[in-house]
Amino acid sequence: MSQLAKDMTPDVTWEEITPGCDIYEGGTSEATCTGEWRTMKPVIDWDKCKQCLLCAPVCPDMSIPVKDGKREDFDYFFCKGCGICANACPFGAITMVNNKD
């Protein structure tokens, strides 16, 4: 049975993976590109953004990096396109668009 994330490859069969809900090592989310799951993606209009930072703490995937007190562009590697940030923005600076756009 493969118990470490580094041992997981496309060749590993379902019989070889760890059982669901069993965590054998921490910090593996940084290596998993969950952004491939989304169908919609958030896009920011920097002219409308007031840097209020209300969007950053509501993102369940921590896909809105903040540096030196200012938000940066979305981290699409992790963003699943849930739209919570767009709903939280009081200035309409975040819109959801088709992921292929």
PDB file of N, CA and C in Angstrom:
ATOM      1  N   MET A   1       0.846  -1.179   0.000  1.00  0.00           N
ATOM      2  CA  MET A   1       0.000   0.000   0.000  1.00  0.00           C
ATOM      3  C   MET A   1       0.892   1.243   0.000  1.00  0.00           C
ATOM      4  N   SER A   2       0.601   2.188  -0.899  1.00  0.00           N
ATOM      5  CA  SER A   2       1.322   3.459  -0.962  1.00  0.00           C
ATOM      6  C   SER A   2       0.776   4.389   0.104  1.00  0.00           C
ATOM      7  N   GLN A   3       1.632   4.879   0.998  1.00  0.00           N
ATOM      8  CA  GLN A   3       1.158   5.719   2.081  1.00  0.00           C
ATOM      9  C   GLN A   3       1.697   7.134   2.010  1.00  0.00           C
ATOM     10  N   LEU A   4       2.548   7.471   1.060  1.00  0.00           N
ATOM     11  CA  LEU A   4       3.085   8.814   0.956  1.00  0.00           C
ATOM     12  C   LEU A   4       2.680   9.435  -0.367  1.00  0.00           C
ATOM     13  N   ALA A   5       2.378  10.727  -0.343  1.00  0.00           N
ATOM     14  CA  ALA A   5       1.941  11.413  -1.554  1.00  0.00           C
ATOM     15  C   ALA A   5       2.997  11.342  -2.649  1.00  0.00           C
ATOM     16  N   LYS A   6       4.261  11.371  -2.270  1.00  0.00           N
ATOM     17  CA  LYS A   6       5.335  11.326  -3.276  1.00  0.00           C
ATOM     18  C   LYS A   6       5.332  10.012  -4.051  1.00  0.00           C
ATOM     19  N   ASP A   7       4.712   8.980  -3.474  1.00  0.00           N
ATOM     20  CA  ASP A   7       4.654   7.684  -4.140  1.00  0.00           C
ATOM     21  C   ASP A   7       3.481   7.556  -5.105  1.00  0.00           C
ATOM     22  N   MET A   8       2.595   8.546  -5.110  1.00  0.00           N
ATOM     23  CA  MET A   8       1.406   8.477  -5.957  1.00  0.00           C
ATOM     24  C   MET A   8       1.748   8.903  -7.384  1.00  0.00           C
ATOM     25  N   THR A   9       1.439   8.068  -8.318  1.00  0.00           N
ATOM     26  CA  THR A   9       1.623   8.346  -9.741  1.00  0.00           C
ATOM     27  C   THR A   9       0.384   7.861 -10.475  1.00  0.00           C
ATOM     28  N   PRO A  10       0.225   8.220 -11.739  1.00  0.00           N
ATOM     29  CA  PRO A  10      -0.931   7.708 -12.491  1.00  0.00           C
ATOM     30  C   PRO A  10      -0.954   6.184 -12.608  1.00  0.00           C
ATOM     31  N   ASP A  11       0.177   5.537 -12.349  1.00  0.00           N
ATOM     32  CA  ASP A  11       0.238   4.077 -12.452  1.00  0.00           C
ATOM     33  C   ASP A  11      -0.276   3.361 -11.201  1.00  0.00           C
ATOM     34  N   VAL A  12      -0.493   4.084 -10.114  1.00  0.00           N
ATOM     35  CA  VAL A  12      -0.961   3.481  -8.869  1.00  0.00           C
ATOM     36  C   VAL A  12      -2.440   3.135  -9.025  1.00  0.00           C
ATOM     37  N   THR A  13      -2.791   1.910  -8.704  1.00  0.00           N
ATOM     38  CA  THR A  13      -4.183   1.462  -8.830  1.00  0.00           C
ATOM     39  C   THR A  13      -4.959   1.779  -7.560  1.00  0.00           C
ATOM     40  N   TRP A  14      -6.254   1.678  -7.619  1.00  0.00           N
ATOM     41  CA  TRP A  14      -7.090   1.996  -6.466  1.00  0.00           C
ATOM     42  C   TRP A  14      -6.808   1.065  -5.297  1.00  0.00           C
ATOM     43  N   GLU A  15      -6.362  -0.172  -5.584  1.00  0.00           N
ATOM     44  CA  GLU A  15      -6.061  -1.106  -4.497  1.00  0.00           C
ATOM     45  C   GLU A  15      -4.826  -0.685  -3.701  1.00  0.00           C
ATOM     46  N   GLU A  16      -3.986   0.156  -4.306  1.00  0.00           N
ATOM     47  CA  GLU A  16      -2.725   0.537  -3.675  1.00  0.00           C
ATOM     48  C   GLU A  16      -2.775   1.860  -2.911  1.00  0.00           C
ATOM     49  N   ILE A  17      -3.877   2.592  -3.032  1.00  0.00           N
ATOM     50  CA  ILE A  17      -3.921   3.897  -2.365  1.00  0.00           C
ATOM     51  C   ILE A  17      -4.397   3.745  -0.925  1.00  0.00           C
ATOM     52  N   THR A  18      -4.178   4.806  -0.153  1.00  0.00           N
ATOM     53  CA  THR A  18      -4.605   4.772   1.246  1.00  0.00           C
ATOM     54  C   THR A  18      -6.117   4.825   1.322  1.00  0.00           C
ATOM     55  N   PRO A  19      -6.702   4.233   2.357  1.00  0.00           N
ATOM     56  CA  PRO A  19      -8.159   4.297   2.515  1.00  0.00           C
ATOM     57  C   PRO A  19      -8.621   5.734   2.686  1.00  0.00           C
ATOM     58  N   GLY A  20      -9.850   6.029   2.278  1.00  0.00           N
ATOM     59  CA  GLY A  20     -10.393   7.370   2.418  1.00  0.00           C
ATOM     60  C   GLY A  20     -10.395   7.831   3.869  1.00  0.00           C
ATOM     61  N   CYS A  21     -10.162   9.124   4.047  1.00  0.00           N
ATOM     62  CA  CYS A  21     -10.142   9.786   5.351  1.00  0.00           C
ATOM     63  C   CYS A  21      -8.926   9.439   6.205  1.00  0.00           C
ATOM     64  N   ASP A  22      -7.999   8.632   5.714  1.00  0.00           N
ATOM     65  CA  ASP A  22      -6.762   8.360   6.444  1.00  0.00           C
ATOM     66  C   ASP A  22      -5.683   9.298   5.916  1.00  0.00           C
ATOM     67  N   ILE A  23      -5.080  10.065   6.806  1.00  0.00           N
ATOM     68  CA  ILE A  23      -4.047  11.014   6.415  1.00  0.00           C
ATOM     69  C   ILE A  23      -2.715  10.510   6.941  1.00  0.00           C
ATOM     70  N   TYR A  24      -1.780  10.270   6.044  1.00  0.00           N
ATOM     71  CA  TYR A  24      -0.491   9.715   6.420  1.00  0.00           C
ATOM     72  C   TYR A  24       0.628  10.736   6.444  1.00  0.00           C
ATOM     73  N   GLU A  25       0.394  11.903   5.857  1.00  0.00           N
ATOM     74  CA  GLU A  25       1.389  12.970   5.913  1.00  0.00           C
ATOM     75  C   GLU A  25       0.686  14.292   5.658  1.00  0.00           C
ATOM     76  N   GLY A  26       1.225  15.362   6.207  1.00  0.00           N
ATOM     77  CA  GLY A  26       0.622  16.663   6.048  1.00  0.00           C
ATOM     78  C   GLY A  26       1.261  17.456   4.924  1.00  0.00           C
ATOM     79  N   GLY A  27       0.638  18.570   4.582  1.00  0.00           N
ATOM     80  CA  GLY A  27       1.203  19.496   3.611  1.00  0.00           C
ATOM     81  C   GLY A  27       1.145  19.063   2.168  1.00  0.00           C
ATOM     82  N   THR A  28       0.335  18.083   1.844  1.00  0.00           N
ATOM     83  CA  THR A  28       0.303  17.606   0.461  1.00  0.00           C
ATOM     84  C   THR A  28      -0.573  18.458  -0.440  1.00  0.00           C
ATOM     85  N   SER A  29      -1.402  19.329   0.129  1.00  0.00           N
ATOM     86  CA  SER A  29      -2.270  20.145  -0.719  1.00  0.00           C
ATOM     87  C   SER A  29      -1.474  21.116  -1.580  1.00  0.00           C
ATOM     88  N   GLU A  30      -0.279  21.498  -1.134  1.00  0.00           N
ATOM     89  CA  GLU A  30       0.545  22.409  -1.920  1.00  0.00           C
ATOM     90  C   GLU A  30       0.984  21.783  -3.238  1.00  0.00           C
ATOM     91  N   ALA A  31       0.991  20.468  -3.312  1.00  0.00           N
ATOM     92  CA  ALA A  31       1.443  19.776  -4.521  1.00  0.00           C
ATOM     93  C   ALA A  31       0.293  19.351  -5.422  1.00  0.00           C
ATOM     94  N   THR A  32      -0.948  19.589  -4.999  1.00  0.00           N
ATOM     95  CA  THR A  32      -2.101  19.106  -5.745  1.00  0.00           C
ATOM     96  C   THR A  32      -2.793  20.250  -6.471  1.00  0.00           C
ATOM     97  N   CYS A  33      -2.802  20.175  -7.778  1.00  0.00           N
ATOM     98  CA  CYS A  33      -3.419  21.215  -8.601  1.00  0.00           C
ATOM     99  C   CYS A  33      -4.927  20.997  -8.650  1.00  0.00           C
ATOM    100  N   THR A  34      -5.627  21.536  -7.664  1.00  0.00           N
ATOM    101  CA  THR A  34      -7.076  21.378  -7.616  1.00  0.00           C
ATOM    102  C   THR A  34      -7.792  22.383  -8.507  1.00  0.00           C
ATOM    103  N   GLY A  35      -7.056  23.353  -9.045  1.00  0.00           N
ATOM    104  CA  GLY A  35      -7.657  24.331  -9.939  1.00  0.00           C
ATOM    105  C   GLY A  35      -8.155  23.734 -11.241  1.00  0.00           C
ATOM    106  N   GLU A  36      -7.693  22.543 -11.571  1.00  0.00           N
ATOM    107  CA  GLU A  36      -8.146  21.888 -12.795  1.00  0.00           C
ATOM    108  C   GLU A  36      -9.604  21.464 -12.700  1.00  0.00           C
ATOM    109  N   TRP A  37     -10.188  21.510 -11.513  1.00  0.00           N
ATOM    110  CA  TRP A  37     -11.562  21.061 -11.313  1.00  0.00           C
ATOM    111  C   TRP A  37     -12.584  22.085 -11.756  1.00  0.00           C
ATOM    112  N   ARG A  38     -12.214  23.356 -11.834  1.00  0.00           N
ATOM    113  CA  ARG A  38     -13.212  24.410 -12.007  1.00  0.00           C
ATOM    114  C   ARG A  38     -13.743  24.502 -13.444  1.00  0.00           C
ATOM    115  N   THR A  39     -14.983  24.991 -13.530  1.00  0.00           N
ATOM    116  CA  THR A  39     -15.586  25.296 -14.826  1.00  0.00           C
ATOM    117  C   THR A  39     -15.702  26.810 -14.999  1.00  0.00           C
ATOM    118  N   MET A  40     -15.769  27.537 -13.875  1.00  0.00           N
ATOM    119  CA  MET A  40     -15.805  28.998 -13.886  1.00  0.00           C
ATOM    120  C   MET A  40     -14.587  29.493 -13.114  1.00  0.00           C
ATOM    121  N   LYS A  41     -14.129  30.705 -13.454  1.00  0.00           N
ATOM    122  CA  LYS A  41     -12.998  31.266 -12.717  1.00  0.00           C
ATOM    123  C   LYS A  41     -13.254  32.732 -12.408  1.00  0.00           C
ATOM    124  N   PRO A  42     -12.724  33.200 -11.275  1.00  0.00           N
ATOM    125  CA  PRO A  42     -12.877  34.606 -10.929  1.00  0.00           C
ATOM    126  C   PRO A  42     -11.837  35.452 -11.651  1.00  0.00           C
ATOM    127  N   VAL A  43     -12.254  36.624 -12.073  1.00  0.00           N
ATOM    128  CA  VAL A  43     -11.350  37.578 -12.707  1.00  0.00           C
ATOM    129  C   VAL A  43     -11.536  38.914 -11.997  1.00  0.00           C
ATOM    130  N   ILE A  44     -10.434  39.556 -11.677  1.00  0.00           N
ATOM    131  CA  ILE A  44     -10.522  40.821 -10.949  1.00  0.00           C
ATOM    132  C   ILE A  44     -10.349  42.006 -11.885  1.00  0.00           C
ATOM    133  N   ASP A  45     -11.168  43.018 -11.659  1.00  0.00           N
ATOM    134  CA  ASP A  45     -11.048  44.294 -12.362  1.00  0.00           C
ATOM    135  C   ASP A  45     -10.293  45.220 -11.409  1.00  0.00           C
ATOM    136  N   TRP A  46      -9.021  45.421 -11.683  1.00  0.00           N
ATOM    137  CA  TRP A  46      -8.169  46.183 -10.772  1.00  0.00           C
ATOM    138  C   TRP A  46      -8.616  47.642 -10.640  1.00  0.00           C
ATOM    139  N   ASP A  47      -9.324  48.164 -11.626  1.00  0.00           N
ATOM    140  CA  ASP A  47      -9.830  49.536 -11.528  1.00  0.00           C
ATOM    141  C   ASP A  47     -10.944  49.648 -10.488  1.00  0.00           C
ATOM    142  N   LYS A  48     -11.690  48.567 -10.279  1.00  0.00           N
ATOM    143  CA  LYS A  48     -12.777  48.575  -9.297  1.00  0.00           C
ATOM    144  C   LYS A  48     -12.322  48.113  -7.911  1.00  0.00           C
ATOM    145  N   CYS A  49     -11.230  47.391  -7.840  1.00  0.00           N
ATOM    146  CA  CYS A  49     -10.758  46.836  -6.565  1.00  0.00           C
ATOM    147  C   CYS A  49     -10.280  47.955  -5.644  1.00  0.00           C
ATOM    148  N   LYS A  50     -10.801  47.983  -4.424  1.00  0.00           N
ATOM    149  CA  LYS A  50     -10.441  49.003  -3.427  1.00  0.00           C
ATOM    150  C   LYS A  50      -9.462  48.463  -2.381  1.00  0.00           C
ATOM    151  N   GLN A  51      -8.986  47.244  -2.581  1.00  0.00           N
ATOM    152  CA  GLN A  51      -8.067  46.600  -1.639  1.00  0.00           C
ATOM    153  C   GLN A  51      -8.660  46.516  -0.232  1.00  0.00           C
ATOM    154  N   CYS A  52      -9.963  46.273  -0.149  1.00  0.00           N
ATOM    155  CA  CYS A  52     -10.613  46.133   1.154  1.00  0.00           C
ATOM    156  C   CYS A  52     -10.285  44.789   1.808  1.00  0.00           C
ATOM    157  N   LEU A  53      -9.856  43.839   0.986  1.00  0.00           N
ATOM    158  CA  LEU A  53      -9.457  42.495   1.428  1.00  0.00           C
ATOM    159  C   LEU A  53     -10.602  41.660   1.993  1.00  0.00           C
ATOM    160  N   LEU A  54     -11.841  42.025   1.690  1.00  0.00           N
ATOM    161  CA  LEU A  54     -12.965  41.217   2.158  1.00  0.00           C
ATOM    162  C   LEU A  54     -13.041  39.868   1.440  1.00  0.00           C
ATOM    163  N   CYS A  55     -12.430  39.770   0.272  1.00  0.00           N
ATOM    164  CA  CYS A  55     -12.477  38.532  -0.502  1.00  0.00           C
ATOM    165  C   CYS A  55     -11.491  37.478   0.021  1.00  0.00           C
ATOM    166  N   ALA A  56     -10.345  37.910   0.483  1.00  0.00           N
ATOM    167  CA  ALA A  56      -9.284  36.968   0.857  1.00  0.00           C
ATOM    168  C   ALA A  56      -9.669  35.996   1.971  1.00  0.00           C
ATOM    169  N   PRO A  57     -10.239  36.461   3.092  1.00  0.00           N
ATOM    170  CA  PRO A  57     -10.532  35.499   4.164  1.00  0.00           C
ATOM    171  C   PRO A  57     -11.684  34.545   3.877  1.00  0.00           C
ATOM    172  N   VAL A  58     -12.542  34.857   2.902  1.00  0.00           N
ATOM    173  CA  VAL A  58     -13.668  33.958   2.619  1.00  0.00           C
ATOM    174  C   VAL A  58     -13.315  32.878   1.604  1.00  0.00           C
ATOM    175  N   CYS A  59     -12.166  32.988   0.958  1.00  0.00           N
ATOM    176  CA  CYS A  59     -11.763  31.980  -0.028  1.00  0.00           C
ATOM    177  C   CYS A  59     -11.429  30.669   0.681  1.00  0.00           C
ATOM    178  N   PRO A  60     -12.183  29.596   0.403  1.00  0.00           N
ATOM    179  CA  PRO A  60     -11.934  28.328   1.094  1.00  0.00           C
ATOM    180  C   PRO A  60     -10.640  27.648   0.651  1.00  0.00           C
ATOM    181  N   ASP A  61     -10.058  28.096  -0.450  1.00  0.00           N
ATOM    182  CA  ASP A  61      -8.849  27.459  -0.957  1.00  0.00           C
ATOM    183  C   ASP A  61      -7.606  28.324  -0.814  1.00  0.00           C
ATOM    184  N   MET A  62      -7.748  29.465  -0.133  1.00  0.00           N
ATOM    185  CA  MET A  62      -6.628  30.393   0.050  1.00  0.00           C
ATOM    186  C   MET A  62      -5.990  30.749  -1.300  1.00  0.00           C
ATOM    187  N   SER A  63      -6.840  31.003  -2.285  1.00  0.00           N
ATOM    188  CA  SER A  63      -6.387  31.309  -3.644  1.00  0.00           C
ATOM    189  C   SER A  63      -6.220  32.798  -3.905  1.00  0.00           C
ATOM    190  N   ILE A  64      -6.364  33.610  -2.862  1.00  0.00           N
ATOM    191  CA  ILE A  64      -6.198  35.054  -3.001  1.00  0.00           C
ATOM    192  C   ILE A  64      -5.022  35.467  -2.111  1.00  0.00           C
ATOM    193  N   PRO A  65      -3.836  35.494  -2.683  1.00  0.00           N
ATOM    194  CA  PRO A  65      -2.677  35.856  -1.873  1.00  0.00           C
ATOM    195  C   PRO A  65      -2.692  37.333  -1.489  1.00  0.00           C
ATOM    196  N   VAL A  66      -2.228  37.623  -0.294  1.00  0.00           N
ATOM    197  CA  VAL A  66      -2.107  38.992   0.203  1.00  0.00           C
ATOM    198  C   VAL A  66      -0.654  39.207   0.594  1.00  0.00           C
ATOM    199  N   LYS A  67      -0.073  40.272   0.059  1.00  0.00           N
ATOM    200  CA  LYS A  67       1.322  40.578   0.355  1.00  0.00           C
ATOM    201  C   LYS A  67       1.433  42.061   0.680  1.00  0.00           C
ATOM    202  N   ASP A  68       2.089  42.361   1.778  1.00  0.00           N
ATOM    203  CA  ASP A  68       2.263  43.745   2.224  1.00  0.00           C
ATOM    204  C   ASP A  68       0.929  44.491   2.327  1.00  0.00           C
ATOM    205  N   GLY A  69      -0.106  43.794   2.801  1.00  0.00           N
ATOM    206  CA  GLY A  69      -1.408  44.421   3.014  1.00  0.00           C
ATOM    207  C   GLY A  69      -2.228  44.638   1.762  1.00  0.00           C
ATOM    208  N   LYS A  70      -1.811  44.099   0.626  1.00  0.00           N
ATOM    209  CA  LYS A  70      -2.572  44.241  -0.621  1.00  0.00           C
ATOM    210  C   LYS A  70      -2.786  42.875  -1.241  1.00  0.00           C
ATOM    211  N   ARG A  71      -3.975  42.706  -1.779  1.00  0.00           N
ATOM    212  CA  ARG A  71      -4.249  41.435  -2.449  1.00  0.00           C
ATOM    213  C   ARG A  71      -3.533  41.390  -3.790  1.00  0.00           C
ATOM    214  N   GLU A  72      -3.152  40.186  -4.174  1.00  0.00           N
ATOM    215  CA  GLU A  72      -2.524  39.965  -5.468  1.00  0.00           C
ATOM    216  C   GLU A  72      -3.510  39.213  -6.351  1.00  0.00           C
ATOM    217  N   ASP A  73      -3.091  38.854  -7.543  1.00  0.00           N
ATOM    218  CA  ASP A  73      -3.979  38.143  -8.461  1.00  0.00           C
ATOM    219  C   ASP A  73      -4.281  36.747  -7.930  1.00  0.00           C
ATOM    220  N   PHE A  74      -5.312  36.120  -8.456  1.00  0.00           N
ATOM    221  CA  PHE A  74      -5.742  34.805  -8.011  1.00  0.00           C
ATOM    222  C   PHE A  74      -4.664  33.758  -8.263  1.00  0.00           C
ATOM    223  N   ASP A  75      -4.593  32.802  -7.372  1.00  0.00           N
ATOM    224  CA  ASP A  75      -3.727  31.637  -7.554  1.00  0.00           C
ATOM    225  C   ASP A  75      -4.608  30.556  -8.170  1.00  0.00           C
ATOM    226  N   TYR A  76      -4.622  30.476  -9.481  1.00  0.00           N
ATOM    227  CA  TYR A  76      -5.505  29.541 -10.179  1.00  0.00           C
ATOM    228  C   TYR A  76      -5.075  28.092 -10.015  1.00  0.00           C
ATOM    229  N   PHE A  77      -3.890  27.851  -9.476  1.00  0.00           N
ATOM    230  CA  PHE A  77      -3.431  26.484  -9.220  1.00  0.00           C
ATOM    231  C   PHE A  77      -4.381  25.787  -8.239  1.00  0.00           C
ATOM    232  N   PHE A  78      -4.916  26.554  -7.264  1.00  0.00           N
ATOM    233  CA  PHE A  78      -5.796  25.986  -6.253  1.00  0.00           C
ATOM    234  C   PHE A  78      -7.264  26.389  -6.417  1.00  0.00           C
ATOM    235  N   CYS A  79      -7.546  27.505  -7.060  1.00  0.00           N
ATOM    236  CA  CYS A  79      -8.911  28.027  -7.164  1.00  0.00           C
ATOM    237  C   CYS A  79      -9.833  27.032  -7.861  1.00  0.00           C
ATOM    238  N   LYS A  80     -10.959  26.728  -7.198  1.00  0.00           N
ATOM    239  CA  LYS A  80     -11.929  25.786  -7.768  1.00  0.00           C
ATOM    240  C   LYS A  80     -13.117  26.492  -8.412  1.00  0.00           C
ATOM    241  N   GLY A  81     -13.108  27.845  -8.400  1.00  0.00           N
ATOM    242  CA  GLY A  81     -14.164  28.593  -9.069  1.00  0.00           C
ATOM    243  C   GLY A  81     -15.489  28.596  -8.352  1.00  0.00           C
ATOM    244  N   CYS A  82     -15.472  28.595  -7.037  1.00  0.00           N
ATOM    245  CA  CYS A  82     -16.723  28.532  -6.269  1.00  0.00           C
ATOM    246  C   CYS A  82     -17.517  29.837  -6.328  1.00  0.00           C
ATOM    247  N   GLY A  83     -16.839  30.975  -6.529  1.00  0.00           N
ATOM    248  CA  GLY A  83     -17.527  32.252  -6.644  1.00  0.00           C
ATOM    249  C   GLY A  83     -17.794  32.959  -5.330  1.00  0.00           C
ATOM    250  N   ILE A  84     -17.354  32.418  -4.219  1.00  0.00           N
ATOM    251  CA  ILE A  84     -17.577  33.058  -2.923  1.00  0.00           C
ATOM    252  C   ILE A  84     -16.930  34.441  -2.903  1.00  0.00           C
ATOM    253  N   CYS A  85     -15.741  34.561  -3.478  1.00  0.00           N
ATOM    254  CA  CYS A  85     -15.045  35.856  -3.497  1.00  0.00           C
ATOM    255  C   CYS A  85     -15.851  36.898  -4.265  1.00  0.00           C
ATOM    256  N   ALA A  86     -16.442  36.505  -5.380  1.00  0.00           N
ATOM    257  CA  ALA A  86     -17.239  37.434  -6.184  1.00  0.00           C
ATOM    258  C   ALA A  86     -18.468  37.903  -5.405  1.00  0.00           C
ATOM    259  N   ASN A  87     -19.073  36.997  -4.652  1.00  0.00           N
ATOM    260  CA  ASN A  87     -20.237  37.362  -3.837  1.00  0.00           C
ATOM    261  C   ASN A  87     -19.849  38.260  -2.666  1.00  0.00           C
ATOM    262  N   ALA A  88     -18.633  38.111  -2.164  1.00  0.00           N
ATOM    263  CA  ALA A  88     -18.188  38.896  -1.014  1.00  0.00           C
ATOM    264  C   ALA A  88     -17.728  40.299  -1.392  1.00  0.00           C
ATOM    265  N   CYS A  89     -17.384  40.517  -2.648  1.00  0.00           N
ATOM    266  CA  CYS A  89     -16.848  41.817  -3.067  1.00  0.00           C
ATOM    267  C   CYS A  89     -17.958  42.861  -3.166  1.00  0.00           C
ATOM    268  N   PRO A  90     -17.917  43.898  -2.309  1.00  0.00           N
ATOM    269  CA  PRO A  90     -18.976  44.912  -2.338  1.00  0.00           C
ATOM    270  C   PRO A  90     -18.832  45.914  -3.485  1.00  0.00           C
ATOM    271  N   PHE A  91     -17.730  45.850  -4.224  1.00  0.00           N
ATOM    272  CA  PHE A  91     -17.469  46.812  -5.290  1.00  0.00           C
ATOM    273  C   PHE A  91     -17.636  46.225  -6.689  1.00  0.00           C
ATOM    274  N   GLY A  92     -18.025  44.956  -6.782  1.00  0.00           N
ATOM    275  CA  GLY A  92     -18.208  44.312  -8.084  1.00  0.00           C
ATOM    276  C   GLY A  92     -16.911  44.178  -8.860  1.00  0.00           C
ATOM    277  N   ALA A  93     -15.790  44.072  -8.137  1.00  0.00           N
ATOM    278  CA  ALA A  93     -14.487  43.997  -8.799  1.00  0.00           C
ATOM    279  C   ALA A  93     -14.147  42.583  -9.266  1.00  0.00           C
ATOM    280  N   ILE A  94     -14.900  41.587  -8.777  1.00  0.00           N
ATOM    281  CA  ILE A  94     -14.630  40.198  -9.155  1.00  0.00           C
ATOM    282  C   ILE A  94     -15.822  39.646  -9.901  1.00  0.00           C
ATOM    283  N   THR A  95     -15.589  39.161 -11.092  1.00  0.00           N
ATOM    284  CA  THR A  95     -16.650  38.519 -11.876  1.00  0.00           C
ATOM    285  C   THR A  95     -16.232  37.097 -12.208  1.00  0.00           C
ATOM    286  N   MET A  96     -17.217  36.235 -12.331  1.00  0.00           N
ATOM    287  CA  MET A  96     -16.964  34.849 -12.690  1.00  0.00           C
ATOM    288  C   MET A  96     -17.150  34.692 -14.194  1.00  0.00           C
ATOM    289  N   VAL A  97     -16.175  34.089 -14.836  1.00  0.00           N
ATOM    290  CA  VAL A  97     -16.222  33.871 -16.285  1.00  0.00           C
ATOM    291  C   VAL A  97     -15.967  32.384 -16.556  1.00  0.00           C
ATOM    292  N   ASN A  98     -16.300  31.961 -17.761  1.00  0.00           N
ATOM    293  CA  ASN A  98     -16.020  30.605 -18.169  1.00  0.00           C
ATOM    294  C   ASN A  98     -14.535  30.334 -18.044  1.00  0.00           C
ATOM    295  N   ASN A  99     -14.168  29.218 -17.491  1.00  0.00           N
ATOM    296  CA  ASN A  99     -12.753  28.902 -17.267  1.00  0.00           C
ATOM    297  C   ASN A  99     -11.942  28.888 -18.546  1.00  0.00           C
ATOM    298  N   LYS A 100     -12.584  28.657 -19.669  1.00  0.00           N
ATOM    299  CA  LYS A 100     -11.856  28.593 -20.945  1.00  0.00           C
ATOM    300  C   LYS A 100     -11.573  29.970 -21.525  1.00  0.00           C
ATOM    301  N   ASP A 101     -12.212  31.013 -20.972  1.00  0.00           N
ATOM    302  CA  ASP A 101     -12.011  32.381 -21.472  1.00  0.00           C
ATOM    303  C   ASP A 101     -10.706  32.955 -20.951  1.00  0.00           C
TER     304      ASP A 101
END
